[in-house]
Every structure is written in structure tokens, then in C-alpha cells.
Amino acid sequence: GEIPLIERALELGAIFTCVETVGGMEQVLDLASAYAKER
């Protein structure tokens, strides 16, 4: 279409993977901070 599909696939894949790391990192920090308050 207007945007080459290979380009679109790589762009979406990259940005979706980036925000997945954000969610994972926030969970890791939540686990670590909760443990630091208890241990």
C-alpha cells in the first residue's frame, strides 16, 4: 500500500517489543522494591 509492508512489519515489531520491555521492567522493579521493604 502507501507504506511498504516489510517496512511496516519491522516498525511495528520494533516499537511493540520496546514497550513490552517497559512492562517487564516495571514488574521487575515492583518485585525488587517489595522485597527490599520486607527482607
Full PDB file with SEQRES, HELIX, SHEET, SSBOND, CRYST1, ORIGX, SCALE, CONECT and MASTER records, all heavy atoms in Angstrom:
SEQRES   1 A   39  GLY GLU ILE PRO LEU ILE GLU ARG ALA LEU GLU LEU GLY          
SEQRES   2 A   39  ALA ILE PHE THR CYS VAL GLU THR VAL GLY GLY MET GLU          
SEQRES   3 A   39  GLN VAL LEU ASP LEU ALA SER ALA TYR ALA LYS GLU ARG          
HELIX    1 AA1 LEU A    5  GLU A   38  1                                  34    
CRYST1    1.000    1.000    1.000  90.00  90.00  90.00 P 1           1          
ORIGX1      1.000000  0.000000  0.000000        0.00000                         
ORIGX2      0.000000  1.000000  0.000000        0.00000                         
ORIGX3      0.000000  0.000000  1.000000        0.00000                         
SCALE1      1.000000  0.000000  0.000000        0.00000                         
SCALE2      0.000000  1.000000  0.000000        0.00000                         
SCALE3      0.000000  0.000000  1.000000        0.00000                         
ATOM      1  N   GLY A   1       0.834  -1.188   0.000  1.00  0.00           N  
ATOM      2  CA  GLY A   1       0.000   0.000   0.000  1.00  0.00           C  
ATOM      3  C   GLY A   1       0.873   1.242   0.000  1.00  0.00           C  
ATOM      4  O   GLY A   1       1.939   1.277  -0.617  1.00  0.00           O  
ATOM      5  N   GLU A   2       0.440   2.267   0.734  1.00  0.00           N  
ATOM      6  CA  GLU A   2       1.197   3.515   0.781  1.00  0.00           C  
ATOM      7  C   GLU A   2       2.565   3.318   1.427  1.00  0.00           C  
ATOM      8  O   GLU A   2       3.553   3.910   1.009  1.00  0.00           O  
ATOM      9  CB  GLU A   2       0.400   4.574   1.560  1.00  0.00           C  
ATOM     10  CG  GLU A   2      -0.880   5.007   0.862  1.00  0.00           C  
ATOM     11  CD  GLU A   2      -1.594   6.092   1.657  1.00  0.00           C  
ATOM     12  OE1 GLU A   2      -1.015   6.583   2.644  1.00  0.00           O  
ATOM     13  OE2 GLU A   2      -2.726   6.436   1.274  1.00  0.00           O  
ATOM     14  N   ILE A   3       2.605   2.493   2.473  1.00  0.00           N  
ATOM     15  CA  ILE A   3       3.862   2.188   3.158  1.00  0.00           C  
ATOM     16  C   ILE A   3       4.254   0.758   2.791  1.00  0.00           C  
ATOM     17  O   ILE A   3       3.426  -0.149   2.892  1.00  0.00           O  
ATOM     18  CB  ILE A   3       3.704   2.295   4.687  1.00  0.00           C  
ATOM     19  CG1 ILE A   3       3.192   3.679   5.071  1.00  0.00           C  
ATOM     20  CG2 ILE A   3       5.018   1.986   5.390  1.00  0.00           C  
ATOM     21  CD1 ILE A   3       2.828   3.806   6.530  1.00  0.00           C  
ATOM     22  N   PRO A   4       5.502   0.508   2.330  1.00  0.00           N  
ATOM     23  CA  PRO A   4       5.925  -0.864   2.039  1.00  0.00           C  
ATOM     24  C   PRO A   4       5.655  -1.767   3.232  1.00  0.00           C  
ATOM     25  O   PRO A   4       5.960  -1.405   4.379  1.00  0.00           O  
ATOM     26  CB  PRO A   4       7.427  -0.706   1.766  1.00  0.00           C  
ATOM     27  CG  PRO A   4       7.581   0.704   1.283  1.00  0.00           C  
ATOM     28  CD  PRO A   4       6.561   1.495   2.060  1.00  0.00           C  
ATOM     29  N   LEU A   5       5.098  -2.947   2.984  1.00  0.00           N  
ATOM     30  CA  LEU A   5       4.666  -3.809   4.081  1.00  0.00           C  
ATOM     31  C   LEU A   5       5.823  -4.332   4.910  1.00  0.00           C  
ATOM     32  O   LEU A   5       5.676  -4.536   6.123  1.00  0.00           O  
ATOM     33  CB  LEU A   5       3.844  -4.964   3.514  1.00  0.00           C  
ATOM     34  CG  LEU A   5       2.506  -4.552   2.878  1.00  0.00           C  
ATOM     35  CD1 LEU A   5       1.784  -5.763   2.300  1.00  0.00           C  
ATOM     36  CD2 LEU A   5       1.614  -3.843   3.892  1.00  0.00           C  
ATOM     37  N   ILE A   6       6.980  -4.566   4.299  1.00  0.00           N  
ATOM     38  CA  ILE A   6       8.140  -5.012   5.075  1.00  0.00           C  
ATOM     39  C   ILE A   6       8.531  -3.925   6.072  1.00  0.00           C  
ATOM     40  O   ILE A   6       8.815  -4.203   7.245  1.00  0.00           O  
ATOM     41  CB  ILE A   6       9.333  -5.347   4.158  1.00  0.00           C  
ATOM     42  CG1 ILE A   6       8.985  -6.511   3.233  1.00  0.00           C  
ATOM     43  CG2 ILE A   6      10.568  -5.693   4.992  1.00  0.00           C  
ATOM     44  CD1 ILE A   6      10.091  -6.875   2.267  1.00  0.00           C  
ATOM     45  N   GLU A   7       8.548  -2.717   5.601  1.00  0.00           N  
ATOM     46  CA  GLU A   7       8.879  -1.580   6.468  1.00  0.00           C  
ATOM     47  C   GLU A   7       7.887  -1.490   7.620  1.00  0.00           C  
ATOM     48  O   GLU A   7       8.264  -1.278   8.780  1.00  0.00           O  
ATOM     49  CB  GLU A   7       8.855  -0.301   5.630  1.00  0.00           C  
ATOM     50  CG  GLU A   7       9.228   0.960   6.375  1.00  0.00           C  
ATOM     51  CD  GLU A   7       9.207   2.188   5.472  1.00  0.00           C  
ATOM     52  OE1 GLU A   7       9.668   2.085   4.314  1.00  0.00           O  
ATOM     53  OE2 GLU A   7       8.722   3.238   5.923  1.00  0.00           O  
ATOM     54  N   ARG A   8       6.602  -1.646   7.299  1.00  0.00           N  
ATOM     55  CA  ARG A   8       5.573  -1.558   8.340  1.00  0.00           C  
ATOM     56  C   ARG A   8       5.728  -2.675   9.373  1.00  0.00           C  
ATOM     57  O   ARG A   8       5.618  -2.434  10.581  1.00  0.00           O  
ATOM     58  CB  ARG A   8       4.189  -1.631   7.713  1.00  0.00           C  
ATOM     59  CG  ARG A   8       3.055  -1.503   8.726  1.00  0.00           C  
ATOM     60  CD  ARG A   8       1.697  -1.370   8.075  1.00  0.00           C  
ATOM     61  NE  ARG A   8       0.639  -1.201   9.059  1.00  0.00           N  
ATOM     62  CZ  ARG A   8       0.330  -0.052   9.645  1.00  0.00           C  
ATOM     63  NH1 ARG A   8       1.006   1.034   9.350  1.00  0.00           N  
ATOM     64  NH2 ARG A   8      -0.652   0.018  10.529  1.00  0.00           N  
ATOM     65  N   ALA A   9       6.001  -3.887   8.921  1.00  0.00           N  
ATOM     66  CA  ALA A   9       6.150  -5.022   9.838  1.00  0.00           C  
ATOM     67  C   ALA A   9       7.310  -4.811  10.801  1.00  0.00           C  
ATOM     68  O   ALA A   9       7.189  -5.048  12.013  1.00  0.00           O  
ATOM     69  CB  ALA A   9       6.346  -6.313   9.046  1.00  0.00           C  
ATOM     70  N   LEU A  10       8.439  -4.358  10.277  1.00  0.00           N  
ATOM     71  CA  LEU A  10       9.618  -4.142  11.116  1.00  0.00           C  
ATOM     72  C   LEU A  10       9.396  -2.993  12.095  1.00  0.00           C  
ATOM     73  O   LEU A  10       9.831  -3.063  13.250  1.00  0.00           O  
ATOM     74  CB  LEU A  10      10.843  -3.871  10.249  1.00  0.00           C  
ATOM     75  CG  LEU A  10      11.345  -5.060   9.420  1.00  0.00           C  
ATOM     76  CD1 LEU A  10      12.460  -4.626   8.482  1.00  0.00           C  
ATOM     77  CD2 LEU A  10      11.825  -6.192  10.323  1.00  0.00           C  
ATOM     78  N   GLU A  11       8.738  -1.947  11.642  1.00  0.00           N  
ATOM     79  CA  GLU A  11       8.475  -0.808  12.525  1.00  0.00           C  
ATOM     80  C   GLU A  11       7.548  -1.199  13.675  1.00  0.00           C  
ATOM     81  O   GLU A  11       7.831  -0.901  14.843  1.00  0.00           O  
ATOM     82  CB  GLU A  11       7.854   0.340  11.721  1.00  0.00           C  
ATOM     83  CG  GLU A  11       8.823   1.026  10.770  1.00  0.00           C  
ATOM     84  CD  GLU A  11       8.152   2.039   9.867  1.00  0.00           C  
ATOM     85  OE1 GLU A  11       6.895   2.127   9.892  1.00  0.00           O  
ATOM     86  OE2 GLU A  11       8.869   2.748   9.139  1.00  0.00           O  
ATOM     87  N   LEU A  12       6.458  -1.876  13.341  1.00  0.00           N  
ATOM     88  CA  LEU A  12       5.526  -2.299  14.389  1.00  0.00           C  
ATOM     89  C   LEU A  12       6.191  -3.296  15.331  1.00  0.00           C  
ATOM     90  O   LEU A  12       6.023  -3.225  16.551  1.00  0.00           O  
ATOM     91  CB  LEU A  12       4.273  -2.909  13.775  1.00  0.00           C  
ATOM     92  CG  LEU A  12       3.372  -1.970  12.976  1.00  0.00           C  
ATOM     93  CD1 LEU A  12       2.154  -2.735  12.440  1.00  0.00           C  
ATOM     94  CD2 LEU A  12       2.909  -0.793  13.818  1.00  0.00           C  
ATOM     95  N   GLY A  13       6.935  -4.237  14.772  1.00  0.00           N  
ATOM     96  CA  GLY A  13       7.618  -5.222  15.603  1.00  0.00           C  
ATOM     97  C   GLY A  13       8.587  -4.580  16.572  1.00  0.00           C  
ATOM     98  O   GLY A  13       8.663  -4.962  17.754  1.00  0.00           O  
ATOM     99  N   ALA A  14       9.328  -3.589  16.105  1.00  0.00           N  
ATOM    100  CA  ALA A  14      10.314  -2.924  16.955  1.00  0.00           C  
ATOM    101  C   ALA A  14       9.647  -2.150  18.087  1.00  0.00           C  
ATOM    102  O   ALA A  14      10.021  -2.282  19.259  1.00  0.00           O  
ATOM    103  CB  ALA A  14      11.191  -1.993  16.117  1.00  0.00           C  
ATOM    104  N   ILE A  15       8.645  -1.324  17.761  1.00  0.00           N  
ATOM    105  CA  ILE A  15       8.047  -0.489  18.816  1.00  0.00           C  
ATOM    106  C   ILE A  15       7.236  -1.333  19.801  1.00  0.00           C  
ATOM    107  O   ILE A  15       7.214  -1.036  21.003  1.00  0.00           O  
ATOM    108  CB  ILE A  15       7.192   0.658  18.232  1.00  0.00           C  
ATOM    109  CG1 ILE A  15       6.014   0.124  17.417  1.00  0.00           C  
ATOM    110  CG2 ILE A  15       8.045   1.597  17.421  1.00  0.00           C  
ATOM    111  CD1 ILE A  15       5.049   1.223  16.965  1.00  0.00           C  
ATOM    112  N   PHE A  16       6.594  -2.395  19.321  1.00  0.00           N  
ATOM    113  CA  PHE A  16       5.850  -3.263  20.236  1.00  0.00           C  
ATOM    114  C   PHE A  16       6.804  -3.999  21.172  1.00  0.00           C  
ATOM    115  O   PHE A  16       6.506  -4.192  22.359  1.00  0.00           O  
ATOM    116  CB  PHE A  16       5.002  -4.268  19.459  1.00  0.00           C  
ATOM    117  CG  PHE A  16       3.833  -3.648  18.727  1.00  0.00           C  
ATOM    118  CD1 PHE A  16       3.151  -4.358  17.747  1.00  0.00           C  
ATOM    119  CD2 PHE A  16       3.424  -2.358  19.007  1.00  0.00           C  
ATOM    120  CE1 PHE A  16       2.076  -3.798  17.071  1.00  0.00           C  
ATOM    121  CE2 PHE A  16       2.345  -1.777  18.331  1.00  0.00           C  
ATOM    122  CZ  PHE A  16       1.670  -2.508  17.357  1.00  0.00           C  
ATOM    123  N   THR A  17       7.957  -4.412  20.662  1.00  0.00           N  
ATOM    124  CA  THR A  17       8.944  -5.083  21.505  1.00  0.00           C  
ATOM    125  C   THR A  17       9.496  -4.121  22.545  1.00  0.00           C  
ATOM    126  O   THR A  17       9.699  -4.490  23.708  1.00  0.00           O  
ATOM    127  CB  THR A  17      10.086  -5.652  20.648  1.00  0.00           C  
ATOM    128  OG1 THR A  17       9.560  -6.599  19.718  1.00  0.00           O  
ATOM    129  CG2 THR A  17      11.129  -6.349  21.519  1.00  0.00           C  
ATOM    130  N   CYS A  18       9.719  -2.874  22.142  1.00  0.00           N  
ATOM    131  CA  CYS A  18      10.222  -1.865  23.083  1.00  0.00           C  
ATOM    132  C   CYS A  18       9.287  -1.689  24.268  1.00  0.00           C  
ATOM    133  O   CYS A  18       9.726  -1.653  25.425  1.00  0.00           O  
ATOM    134  CB  CYS A  18      10.432  -0.536  22.374  1.00  0.00           C  
ATOM    135  SG  CYS A  18      11.822  -0.493  21.226  1.00  0.00           S  
ATOM    136  N   VAL A  19       7.991  -1.543  24.005  1.00  0.00           N  
ATOM    137  CA  VAL A  19       7.069  -1.300  25.116  1.00  0.00           C  
ATOM    138  C   VAL A  19       6.839  -2.564  25.936  1.00  0.00           C  
ATOM    139  O   VAL A  19       6.517  -2.479  27.125  1.00  0.00           O  
ATOM    140  CB  VAL A  19       5.716  -0.714  24.633  1.00  0.00           C  
ATOM    141  CG1 VAL A  19       5.920   0.658  24.039  1.00  0.00           C  
ATOM    142  CG2 VAL A  19       5.007  -1.628  23.658  1.00  0.00           C  
ATOM    143  N   GLU A  20       7.037  -3.740  25.345  1.00  0.00           N  
ATOM    144  CA  GLU A  20       6.989  -4.969  26.131  1.00  0.00           C  
ATOM    145  C   GLU A  20       8.084  -4.953  27.194  1.00  0.00           C  
ATOM    146  O   GLU A  20       7.880  -5.398  28.329  1.00  0.00           O  
ATOM    147  CB  GLU A  20       7.157  -6.192  25.231  1.00  0.00           C  
ATOM    148  CG  GLU A  20       5.901  -6.614  24.510  1.00  0.00           C  
ATOM    149  CD  GLU A  20       6.108  -7.875  23.683  1.00  0.00           C  
ATOM    150  OE1 GLU A  20       7.202  -8.471  23.771  1.00  0.00           O  
ATOM    151  OE2 GLU A  20       5.187  -8.245  22.954  1.00  0.00           O  
ATOM    152  N   THR A  21       9.260  -4.448  26.826  1.00  0.00           N  
ATOM    153  CA  THR A  21      10.350  -4.374  27.810  1.00  0.00           C  
ATOM    154  C   THR A  21       9.982  -3.429  28.941  1.00  0.00           C  
ATOM    155  O   THR A  21      10.359  -3.664  30.101  1.00  0.00           O  
ATOM    156  CB  THR A  21      11.674  -3.920  27.160  1.00  0.00           C  
ATOM    157  OG1 THR A  21      11.611  -2.539  26.797  1.00  0.00           O  
ATOM    158  CG2 THR A  21      12.029  -4.757  25.947  1.00  0.00           C  
ATOM    159  N   VAL A  22       9.248  -2.362  28.640  1.00  0.00           N  
ATOM    160  CA  VAL A  22       8.828  -1.416  29.680  1.00  0.00           C  
ATOM    161  C   VAL A  22       7.962  -2.126  30.715  1.00  0.00           C  
ATOM    162  O   VAL A  22       8.173  -2.001  31.925  1.00  0.00           O  
ATOM    163  CB  VAL A  22       8.061  -0.229  29.068  1.00  0.00           C  
ATOM    164  CG1 VAL A  22       7.434   0.632  30.173  1.00  0.00           C  
ATOM    165  CG2 VAL A  22       8.990   0.624  28.218  1.00  0.00           C  
ATOM    166  N   GLY A  23       6.977  -2.900  30.235  1.00  0.00           N  
ATOM    167  CA  GLY A  23       6.119  -3.632  31.152  1.00  0.00           C  
ATOM    168  C   GLY A  23       6.895  -4.633  31.993  1.00  0.00           C  
ATOM    169  O   GLY A  23       6.684  -4.753  33.204  1.00  0.00           O  
ATOM    170  N   GLY A  24       7.831  -5.346  31.359  1.00  0.00           N  
ATOM    171  CA  GLY A  24       8.652  -6.310  32.082  1.00  0.00           C  
ATOM    172  C   GLY A  24       9.522  -5.639  33.123  1.00  0.00           C  
ATOM    173  O   GLY A  24       9.642  -6.113  34.262  1.00  0.00           O  
ATOM    174  N   MET A  25      10.120  -4.506  32.759  1.00  0.00           N  
ATOM    175  CA  MET A  25      10.989  -3.792  33.698  1.00  0.00           C  
ATOM    176  C   MET A  25      10.213  -3.267  34.893  1.00  0.00           C  
ATOM    177  O   MET A  25      10.688  -3.308  36.039  1.00  0.00           O  
ATOM    178  CB  MET A  25      11.704  -2.648  32.983  1.00  0.00           C  
ATOM    179  CG  MET A  25      12.866  -3.093  32.117  1.00  0.00           C  
ATOM    180  SD  MET A  25      13.859  -1.702  31.505  1.00  0.00           S  
ATOM    181  CE  MET A  25      12.889  -1.203  30.091  1.00  0.00           C  
ATOM    182  N   GLU A  26       9.022  -2.746  34.653  1.00  0.00           N  
ATOM    183  CA  GLU A  26       8.216  -2.223  35.764  1.00  0.00           C  
ATOM    184  C   GLU A  26       7.852  -3.340  36.736  1.00  0.00           C  
ATOM    185  O   GLU A  26       7.852  -3.131  37.959  1.00  0.00           O  
ATOM    186  CB  GLU A  26       6.963  -1.544  35.224  1.00  0.00           C  
ATOM    187  CG  GLU A  26       7.242  -0.215  34.533  1.00  0.00           C  
ATOM    188  CD  GLU A  26       5.992   0.510  34.084  1.00  0.00           C  
ATOM    189  OE1 GLU A  26       4.969  -0.160  33.863  1.00  0.00           O  
ATOM    190  OE2 GLU A  26       6.040   1.751  33.964  1.00  0.00           O  
ATOM    191  N   GLN A  27       7.573  -4.518  36.218  1.00  0.00           N  
ATOM    192  CA  GLN A  27       7.249  -5.640  37.093  1.00  0.00           C  
ATOM    193  C   GLN A  27       8.473  -6.065  37.900  1.00  0.00           C  
ATOM    194  O   GLN A  27       8.357  -6.371  39.101  1.00  0.00           O  
ATOM    195  CB  GLN A  27       6.723  -6.814  36.264  1.00  0.00           C  
ATOM    196  CG  GLN A  27       6.287  -8.027  37.080  1.00  0.00           C  
ATOM    197  CD  GLN A  27       5.036  -7.755  37.912  1.00  0.00           C  
ATOM    198  OE1 GLN A  27       4.424  -6.686  37.811  1.00  0.00           O  
ATOM    199  NE2 GLN A  27       4.664  -8.719  38.731  1.00  0.00           N  
ATOM    200  N   VAL A  28       9.628  -6.086  37.268  1.00  0.00           N  
ATOM    201  CA  VAL A  28      10.859  -6.443  37.973  1.00  0.00           C  
ATOM    202  C   VAL A  28      11.137  -5.447  39.092  1.00  0.00           C  
ATOM    203  O   VAL A  28      11.500  -5.833  40.213  1.00  0.00           O  
ATOM    204  CB  VAL A  28      12.047  -6.509  36.984  1.00  0.00           C  
ATOM    205  CG1 VAL A  28      13.376  -6.591  37.737  1.00  0.00           C  
ATOM    206  CG2 VAL A  28      11.902  -7.706  36.061  1.00  0.00           C  
ATOM    207  N   LEU A  29      10.964  -4.158  38.808  1.00  0.00           N  
ATOM    208  CA  LEU A  29      11.175  -3.141  39.837  1.00  0.00           C  
ATOM    209  C   LEU A  29      10.168  -3.297  40.971  1.00  0.00           C  
ATOM    210  O   LEU A  29      10.533  -3.150  42.158  1.00  0.00           O  
ATOM    211  CB  LEU A  29      11.072  -1.745  39.232  1.00  0.00           C  
ATOM    212  CG  LEU A  29      11.239  -0.569  40.210  1.00  0.00           C  
ATOM    213  CD1 LEU A  29      12.580  -0.638  40.925  1.00  0.00           C  
ATOM    214  CD2 LEU A  29      11.081   0.762  39.487  1.00  0.00           C  
ATOM    215  N   ASP A  30       8.922  -3.589  40.647  1.00  0.00           N  
ATOM    216  CA  ASP A  30       7.910  -3.788  41.690  1.00  0.00           C  
ATOM    217  C   ASP A  30       8.291  -4.952  42.595  1.00  0.00           C  
ATOM    218  O   ASP A  30       8.175  -4.866  43.824  1.00  0.00           O  
ATOM    219  CB  ASP A  30       6.544  -4.055  41.056  1.00  0.00           C  
ATOM    220  CG  ASP A  30       5.926  -2.809  40.430  1.00  0.00           C  
ATOM    221  OD1 ASP A  30       6.425  -1.706  40.707  1.00  0.00           O  
ATOM    222  OD2 ASP A  30       4.969  -2.954  39.643  1.00  0.00           O  
ATOM    223  N   LEU A  31       8.741  -6.053  42.003  1.00  0.00           N  
ATOM    224  CA  LEU A  31       9.156  -7.215  42.793  1.00  0.00           C  
ATOM    225  C   LEU A  31      10.351  -6.889  43.667  1.00  0.00           C  
ATOM    226  O   LEU A  31      10.398  -7.260  44.853  1.00  0.00           O  
ATOM    227  CB  LEU A  31       9.498  -8.382  41.857  1.00  0.00           C  
ATOM    228  CG  LEU A  31       8.349  -9.012  41.072  1.00  0.00           C  
ATOM    229  CD1 LEU A  31       8.889 -10.005  40.045  1.00  0.00           C  
ATOM    230  CD2 LEU A  31       7.378  -9.715  42.013  1.00  0.00           C  
ATOM    231  N   ALA A  32      11.323  -6.190  43.076  1.00  0.00           N  
ATOM    232  CA  ALA A  32      12.546  -5.871  43.810  1.00  0.00           C  
ATOM    233  C   ALA A  32      12.286  -4.901  44.963  1.00  0.00           C  
ATOM    234  O   ALA A  32      12.797  -5.077  46.078  1.00  0.00           O  
ATOM    235  CB  ALA A  32      13.586  -5.293  42.855  1.00  0.00           C  
ATOM    236  N   SER A  33      11.484  -3.863  44.705  1.00  0.00           N  
ATOM    237  CA  SER A  33      11.213  -2.875  45.756  1.00  0.00           C  
ATOM    238  C   SER A  33      10.381  -3.485  46.888  1.00  0.00           C  
ATOM    239  O   SER A  33      10.610  -3.180  48.072  1.00  0.00           O  
ATOM    240  CB  SER A  33      10.510  -1.653  45.172  1.00  0.00           C  
ATOM    241  OG  SER A  33       9.283  -2.009  44.564  1.00  0.00           O  
ATOM    242  N   ALA A  34       9.428  -4.366  46.549  1.00  0.00           N  
ATOM    243  CA  ALA A  34       8.629  -5.033  47.580  1.00  0.00           C  
ATOM    244  C   ALA A  34       9.514  -5.919  48.449  1.00  0.00           C  
ATOM    245  O   ALA A  34       9.377  -5.945  49.687  1.00  0.00           O  
ATOM    246  CB  ALA A  34       7.518  -5.857  46.933  1.00  0.00           C  
ATOM    247  N   TYR A  35      10.449  -6.616  47.831  1.00  0.00           N  
ATOM    248  CA  TYR A  35      11.363  -7.489  48.589  1.00  0.00           C  
ATOM    249  C   TYR A  35      12.276  -6.653  49.484  1.00  0.00           C  
ATOM    250  O   TYR A  35      12.559  -7.034  50.623  1.00  0.00           O  
ATOM    251  CB  TYR A  35      12.199  -8.322  47.615  1.00  0.00           C  
ATOM    252  CG  TYR A  35      13.149  -9.282  48.286  1.00  0.00           C  
ATOM    253  CD1 TYR A  35      12.683 -10.458  48.865  1.00  0.00           C  
ATOM    254  CD2 TYR A  35      14.520  -9.007  48.348  1.00  0.00           C  
ATOM    255  CE1 TYR A  35      13.555 -11.340  49.487  1.00  0.00           C  
ATOM    256  CE2 TYR A  35      15.392  -9.879  48.964  1.00  0.00           C  
ATOM    257  CZ  TYR A  35      14.907 -11.045  49.533  1.00  0.00           C  
ATOM    258  OH  TYR A  35      15.778 -11.918  50.156  1.00  0.00           O  
ATOM    259  N   ALA A  36      12.746  -5.503  48.969  1.00  0.00           N  
ATOM    260  CA  ALA A  36      13.638  -4.644  49.751  1.00  0.00           C  
ATOM    261  C   ALA A  36      12.952  -4.104  51.003  1.00  0.00           C  
ATOM    262  O   ALA A  36      13.618  -3.802  52.004  1.00  0.00           O  
ATOM    263  CB  ALA A  36      14.131  -3.488  48.891  1.00  0.00           C  
ATOM    264  N   LYS A  37      11.631  -3.971  50.981  1.00  0.00           N  
ATOM    265  CA  LYS A  37      10.894  -3.490  52.147  1.00  0.00           C  
ATOM    266  C   LYS A  37      10.657  -4.609  53.166  1.00  0.00           C  
ATOM    267  O   LYS A  37      10.480  -4.341  54.356  1.00  0.00           O  
ATOM    268  CB  LYS A  37       9.547  -2.917  51.705  1.00  0.00           C  
ATOM    269  CG  LYS A  37       9.654  -1.673  50.831  1.00  0.00           C  
ATOM    270  CD  LYS A  37       8.297  -1.257  50.294  1.00  0.00           C  
ATOM    271  CE  LYS A  37       8.413  -0.079  49.333  1.00  0.00           C  
ATOM    272  NZ  LYS A  37       7.107   0.279  48.723  1.00  0.00           N  
ATOM    273  N   GLU A  38      10.658  -5.865  52.689  1.00  0.00           N  
ATOM    274  CA  GLU A  38      10.341  -6.995  53.564  1.00  0.00           C  
ATOM    275  C   GLU A  38      11.597  -7.670  54.126  1.00  0.00           C  
ATOM    276  O   GLU A  38      11.615  -8.072  55.295  1.00  0.00           O  
ATOM    277  CB  GLU A  38       9.518  -8.028  52.795  1.00  0.00           C  
ATOM    278  CG  GLU A  38       8.172  -7.513  52.317  1.00  0.00           C  
ATOM    279  CD  GLU A  38       7.478  -8.493  51.394  1.00  0.00           C  
ATOM    280  OE1 GLU A  38       8.070  -9.559  51.120  1.00  0.00           O  
ATOM    281  OE2 GLU A  38       6.361  -8.194  50.933  1.00  0.00           O  
ATOM    282  N   ARG A  39      12.622  -7.789  53.305  1.00  0.00           N  
ATOM    283  CA  ARG A  39      13.835  -8.511  53.712  1.00  0.00           C  
ATOM    284  C   ARG A  39      14.636  -7.682  54.711  1.00  0.00           C  
ATOM    285  O   ARG A  39      14.956  -6.527  54.448  1.00  0.00           O  
ATOM    286  CB  ARG A  39      14.695  -8.799  52.476  1.00  0.00           C  
ATOM    287  CG  ARG A  39      16.045  -9.441  52.783  1.00  0.00           C  
ATOM    288  CD  ARG A  39      15.874 -10.907  53.153  1.00  0.00           C  
ATOM    289  NE  ARG A  39      17.146 -11.603  53.105  1.00  0.00           N  
ATOM    290  CZ  ARG A  39      17.991 -11.711  54.141  1.00  0.00           C  
ATOM    291  NH1 ARG A  39      17.690 -11.120  55.290  1.00  0.00           N  
ATOM    292  NH2 ARG A  39      19.115 -12.369  54.016  1.00  0.00           N  
TER     293      ARG A  39                                                      
MASTER        0    0    0    1    0    0    0    6  292    1    0    3          
END                                                                             
